[in-house]
Amino acid sequence: MRARARIALLVSAGALGWVGAFAGAHARVSLDDPSESRSVGSSTQGSLVHGHPIPPAGAGYVTYSYLGAALGRQYVHGAVRDLLIDAFQACAKARPDRTFVVGETGWPAGGSFWPHKTHANGLGVDVFMPLRDAAGRARNVPTWPWDQLGYGVELDAKGRLGELRIDWDELALLLVELDARAPSFGLRTQTILVAPEFVPMLLASPAGSKMGKLATAVKRTASGRRHDEHVHVEFALMAP
């Protein structure tokens, strides 16, 4: 039954992807000027005007799925795109062996984004957890189709997947870099979602202990699905 459910999820996601891609073709999408982007409404009931695709790969990051990217499932507000690229570059300098994996973000025009309950206004992004193996080598959450492109992977309450474990310090480093650089792009960190049992371990890491006020953005309670294989970061636009 679980295998059938995964197949159904993938087929449905593919169908929705093509619908979103064709719908997005009717709206003008800028690839350069982030000031053309406009977020409307909330992350659950909103839309996006002039969304920007996140390039499939760059310094310090790669997409979770080239097919998902091609189908239009990695669009964000232009300011979010530029912030992500900037923060990943900074993390790559600090941790050259780490390549973060960007998950799903939203349609070119935002709106309902099944199977997610959020991602409607172009200000939310999923990043898969950075992992390390027993020898300390950088590893990533598997994002194969049979793993529901990563979203079907289950980590235990300690953030472990077999011999792999979440690198809490690298996760906190990314969050700190995003938050520190956000104002330069007219953004602020609004909400960070991880599995509630992960919060103490995240905040106890070297970089986590330096999160300061950012720690208040990390939700301590469950929010719908369990955010164990990825962290969801929601931004808000700062007043001009």
Protein backbone atom coordinates (compact mmCIF):
# COMPACT_ATOMS: atom_id res chain seq x y z
CA MET A 1 0.00 0.00 0.00
CA ARG A 2 2.82 2.39 0.84
CA ALA A 3 4.43 1.81 -2.57
CA ARG A 4 1.11 2.46 -4.28
CA ALA A 5 0.63 5.64 -2.30
CA ARG A 6 4.07 6.87 -3.37
CA ILE A 7 3.33 6.13 -7.01
CA ALA A 8 0.02 7.97 -6.76
CA LEU A 9 1.76 10.93 -5.14
CA LEU A 10 4.34 11.13 -7.91
CA VAL A 11 1.77 10.82 -10.69
CA SER A 12 -0.42 13.49 -9.11
CA ALA A 13 2.55 15.79 -8.54
CA GLY A 14 3.59 15.37 -12.16
CA ALA A 15 0.12 16.16 -13.43
CA LEU A 16 -0.14 19.21 -11.21
CA GLY A 17 3.31 20.25 -12.33
CA TRP A 18 2.31 20.34 -15.98
CA VAL A 19 -0.85 22.27 -15.12
CA GLY A 20 1.20 24.78 -13.17
CA ALA A 21 3.77 25.09 -15.92
CA PHE A 22 1.15 25.83 -18.56
CA ALA A 23 -0.66 28.24 -16.25
CA GLY A 24 2.59 30.04 -15.54
CA ALA A 25 3.22 30.46 -19.25
CA HIS A 26 0.32 32.90 -19.42
CA ALA A 27 1.92 35.24 -16.89
CA ARG A 28 5.03 37.27 -17.68
CA VAL A 29 7.92 35.89 -15.62
CA SER A 30 11.03 38.00 -15.20
CA LEU A 31 14.34 36.23 -14.75
CA ASP A 32 16.32 39.26 -13.64
CA ASP A 33 14.73 42.16 -11.77
CA PRO A 34 13.46 41.04 -8.34
CA SER A 35 11.65 44.37 -7.86
CA GLU A 36 9.02 43.18 -10.34
CA SER A 37 7.89 40.44 -7.94
CA ARG A 38 4.88 40.99 -5.72
CA SER A 39 3.53 38.68 -3.04
CA VAL A 40 -0.19 38.78 -2.40
CA GLY A 41 -1.96 37.40 0.65
CA SER A 42 -0.65 34.78 3.04
CA SER A 43 1.45 31.67 2.64
CA THR A 44 -1.71 29.55 2.77
CA GLN A 45 -4.08 31.74 0.75
CA GLY A 46 -2.03 33.95 -1.53
CA SER A 47 -0.50 34.38 -4.94
CA LEU A 48 2.68 35.60 -6.59
CA VAL A 49 3.11 38.15 -9.35
CA HIS A 50 6.23 37.89 -11.53
CA GLY A 51 7.74 34.90 -9.76
CA HIS A 52 11.38 33.98 -10.29
CA PRO A 53 12.76 30.47 -10.74
CA ILE A 54 15.62 29.41 -8.50
CA PRO A 55 18.48 28.32 -10.79
CA PRO A 56 18.75 24.50 -10.55
CA ALA A 57 22.32 24.67 -9.22
CA GLY A 58 24.81 27.21 -7.92
CA ALA A 59 27.56 27.75 -5.36
CA GLY A 60 26.69 25.67 -2.31
CA TYR A 61 23.35 24.26 -3.48
CA VAL A 62 21.53 22.09 -6.01
CA THR A 63 17.87 21.37 -6.78
CA TYR A 64 16.05 18.40 -5.29
CA SER A 65 14.78 17.46 -8.76
CA TYR A 66 15.60 18.81 -12.20
CA LEU A 67 12.19 17.56 -13.32
CA GLY A 68 10.47 19.37 -10.47
CA ALA A 69 12.35 22.55 -11.35
CA ALA A 70 11.44 22.18 -15.03
CA LEU A 71 7.79 21.70 -14.13
CA GLY A 72 7.74 25.05 -12.35
CA ARG A 73 7.79 23.92 -8.71
CA GLN A 74 10.72 26.12 -7.62
CA TYR A 75 9.49 29.68 -8.09
CA VAL A 76 9.74 32.38 -5.42
CA HIS A 77 9.62 36.14 -4.97
CA GLY A 78 12.70 37.62 -6.66
CA ALA A 79 14.09 38.89 -3.37
CA VAL A 80 13.89 35.40 -1.88
CA ARG A 81 15.70 33.95 -4.89
CA ASP A 82 18.56 36.43 -4.54
CA LEU A 83 18.76 35.95 -0.76
CA LEU A 84 18.99 32.18 -1.14
CA ILE A 85 21.77 32.38 -3.71
CA ASP A 86 23.70 34.84 -1.54
CA ALA A 87 23.35 32.78 1.64
CA PHE A 88 24.30 29.52 -0.06
CA GLN A 89 27.44 31.17 -1.43
CA ALA A 90 28.38 32.31 2.06
CA CYS A 91 27.84 28.81 3.47
CA ALA A 92 29.94 27.31 0.66
CA LYS A 93 32.87 29.46 1.73
CA ALA A 94 32.50 28.40 5.35
CA ARG A 95 31.85 24.72 4.58
CA PRO A 96 33.29 23.91 1.12
CA ASP A 97 32.21 20.26 1.26
CA ARG A 98 28.54 21.07 1.88
CA THR A 99 25.99 21.31 -0.92
CA PHE A 100 22.50 22.13 0.31
CA VAL A 101 19.49 20.67 -1.51
CA VAL A 102 16.64 23.10 -2.24
CA GLY A 103 13.21 21.49 -2.13
CA GLU A 104 9.89 22.80 -3.35
CA THR A 105 8.94 26.47 -3.16
CA GLY A 106 5.87 27.24 -5.29
CA TRP A 107 4.31 27.88 -8.70
CA PRO A 108 5.29 30.81 -10.97
CA ALA A 109 2.05 32.55 -10.01
CA GLY A 110 1.83 31.12 -6.49
CA GLY A 111 -1.48 29.80 -5.21
CA SER A 112 -2.45 26.34 -4.01
CA PHE A 113 0.56 24.03 -4.11
CA TRP A 114 -0.43 20.44 -3.41
CA PRO A 115 0.58 18.50 -1.36
CA HIS A 116 1.83 21.50 0.65
CA LYS A 117 -0.49 23.65 2.76
CA THR A 118 1.71 26.72 2.39
CA HIS A 119 4.02 28.09 -0.37
CA ALA A 120 1.18 30.16 -1.86
CA ASN A 121 2.77 33.65 -1.94
CA GLY A 122 6.36 32.99 -3.01
CA LEU A 123 7.95 33.67 0.37
CA GLY A 124 8.46 30.11 1.61
CA VAL A 125 11.22 27.64 0.79
CA ASP A 126 12.07 24.06 1.73
CA VAL A 127 15.69 23.01 2.20
CA PHE A 128 16.51 19.38 2.87
CA MET A 129 18.45 18.61 6.03
CA PRO A 130 22.25 18.57 5.71
CA LEU A 131 23.49 15.14 6.77
CA ARG A 132 26.83 13.60 7.79
CA ASP A 133 27.79 9.94 7.80
CA ALA A 134 29.65 8.07 10.54
CA ALA A 135 32.97 9.21 9.07
CA GLY A 136 31.90 12.86 9.10
CA ARG A 137 31.47 13.13 5.33
CA ALA A 138 28.79 15.43 3.94
CA ARG A 139 25.71 13.58 2.71
CA ASN A 140 22.22 14.59 1.61
CA VAL A 141 18.69 13.33 2.08
CA PRO A 142 17.98 10.96 -0.85
CA THR A 143 15.59 12.61 -3.30
CA TRP A 144 14.96 9.70 -5.67
CA PRO A 145 11.44 9.24 -7.09
CA TRP A 146 10.93 6.18 -4.84
CA ASP A 147 11.69 8.45 -1.85
CA GLN A 148 8.89 10.81 -2.93
CA LEU A 149 11.64 13.14 -4.12
CA GLY A 150 12.92 13.28 -0.56
CA TYR A 151 9.61 14.06 1.12
CA GLY A 152 8.96 10.41 1.94
CA VAL A 153 12.18 9.97 3.93
CA GLU A 154 11.68 9.52 7.69
CA LEU A 155 14.35 10.56 10.20
CA ASP A 156 14.12 9.41 13.80
CA ALA A 157 13.61 11.65 16.84
CA LYS A 158 17.38 12.27 17.03
CA GLY A 159 17.60 13.32 13.38
CA ARG A 160 19.17 10.05 12.22
CA LEU A 161 18.68 8.07 9.02
CA GLY A 162 20.58 4.81 9.44
CA GLU A 163 24.22 5.81 9.88
CA LEU A 164 23.44 9.32 8.69
CA ARG A 165 22.60 12.19 11.04
CA ILE A 166 21.59 15.80 10.70
CA ASP A 167 24.48 18.25 10.99
CA TRP A 168 22.75 20.65 13.36
CA ASP A 169 25.56 23.18 13.18
CA GLU A 170 25.34 23.42 9.39
CA LEU A 171 21.57 23.74 9.53
CA ALA A 172 21.86 26.54 12.08
CA LEU A 173 24.62 28.18 10.02
CA LEU A 174 22.32 28.36 7.00
CA LEU A 175 19.47 29.83 9.07
CA VAL A 176 21.80 32.43 10.60
CA GLU A 177 23.17 33.42 7.18
CA LEU A 178 19.68 33.73 5.71
CA ASP A 179 18.47 35.86 8.61
CA ALA A 180 21.56 38.09 8.70
CA ARG A 181 21.38 38.81 4.96
CA ALA A 182 17.58 39.06 4.67
CA PRO A 183 17.28 42.81 5.44
CA SER A 184 19.61 43.62 2.54
CA PHE A 185 16.98 42.07 0.28
CA GLY A 186 14.02 43.71 1.98
CA LEU A 187 13.10 40.56 3.89
CA ARG A 188 12.95 39.22 7.42
CA THR A 189 12.69 35.67 8.72
CA GLN A 190 9.16 35.03 9.90
CA THR A 191 8.85 31.32 10.68
CA ILE A 192 11.15 28.29 10.77
CA LEU A 193 9.57 24.85 10.83
CA VAL A 194 11.39 21.69 11.92
CA ALA A 195 10.14 18.68 13.86
CA PRO A 196 9.55 19.95 17.45
CA GLU A 197 11.86 17.28 18.89
CA PHE A 198 14.69 18.71 16.78
CA VAL A 199 14.54 22.21 18.25
CA PRO A 200 16.73 21.60 21.36
CA MET A 201 19.44 19.94 19.26
CA LEU A 202 19.36 22.72 16.69
CA LEU A 203 19.67 25.47 19.31
CA ALA A 204 22.40 23.60 21.22
CA SER A 205 24.74 23.49 18.20
CA PRO A 206 27.61 26.03 17.99
CA ALA A 207 25.86 28.13 15.33
CA GLY A 208 22.48 27.53 16.96
CA SER A 209 23.69 29.07 20.21
CA LYS A 210 24.34 32.27 18.23
CA MET A 211 20.85 32.50 16.73
CA GLY A 212 19.74 35.01 19.37
CA LYS A 213 16.34 36.53 18.54
CA LEU A 214 16.13 34.31 15.47
CA ALA A 215 15.47 31.37 17.81
CA THR A 216 12.02 32.82 18.51
CA ALA A 217 11.08 32.21 14.88
CA VAL A 218 11.55 28.45 15.32
CA LYS A 219 8.17 26.87 16.07
CA ARG A 220 8.15 24.58 19.09
CA THR A 221 4.87 22.85 18.26
CA ALA A 222 3.86 20.47 15.48
CA SER A 223 2.48 22.07 12.34
CA GLY A 224 0.66 19.63 10.11
CA ARG A 225 3.14 17.22 8.58
CA ARG A 226 6.36 16.40 10.44
CA HIS A 227 9.27 18.51 9.18
CA ASP A 228 11.99 15.94 9.77
CA GLU A 229 13.65 15.56 6.35
CA HIS A 230 13.52 19.26 5.53
CA VAL A 231 13.37 22.68 7.14
CA HIS A 232 10.73 25.13 5.95
CA VAL A 233 11.65 28.82 6.13
CA GLU A 234 8.99 31.47 5.69
CA PHE A 235 10.03 35.08 5.00
CA ALA A 236 8.09 38.32 5.20
CA LEU A 237 8.59 41.50 3.21
CA MET A 238 9.85 44.47 5.18
CA ALA A 239 8.07 47.79 4.88
CA PRO A 240 9.72 49.96 2.17
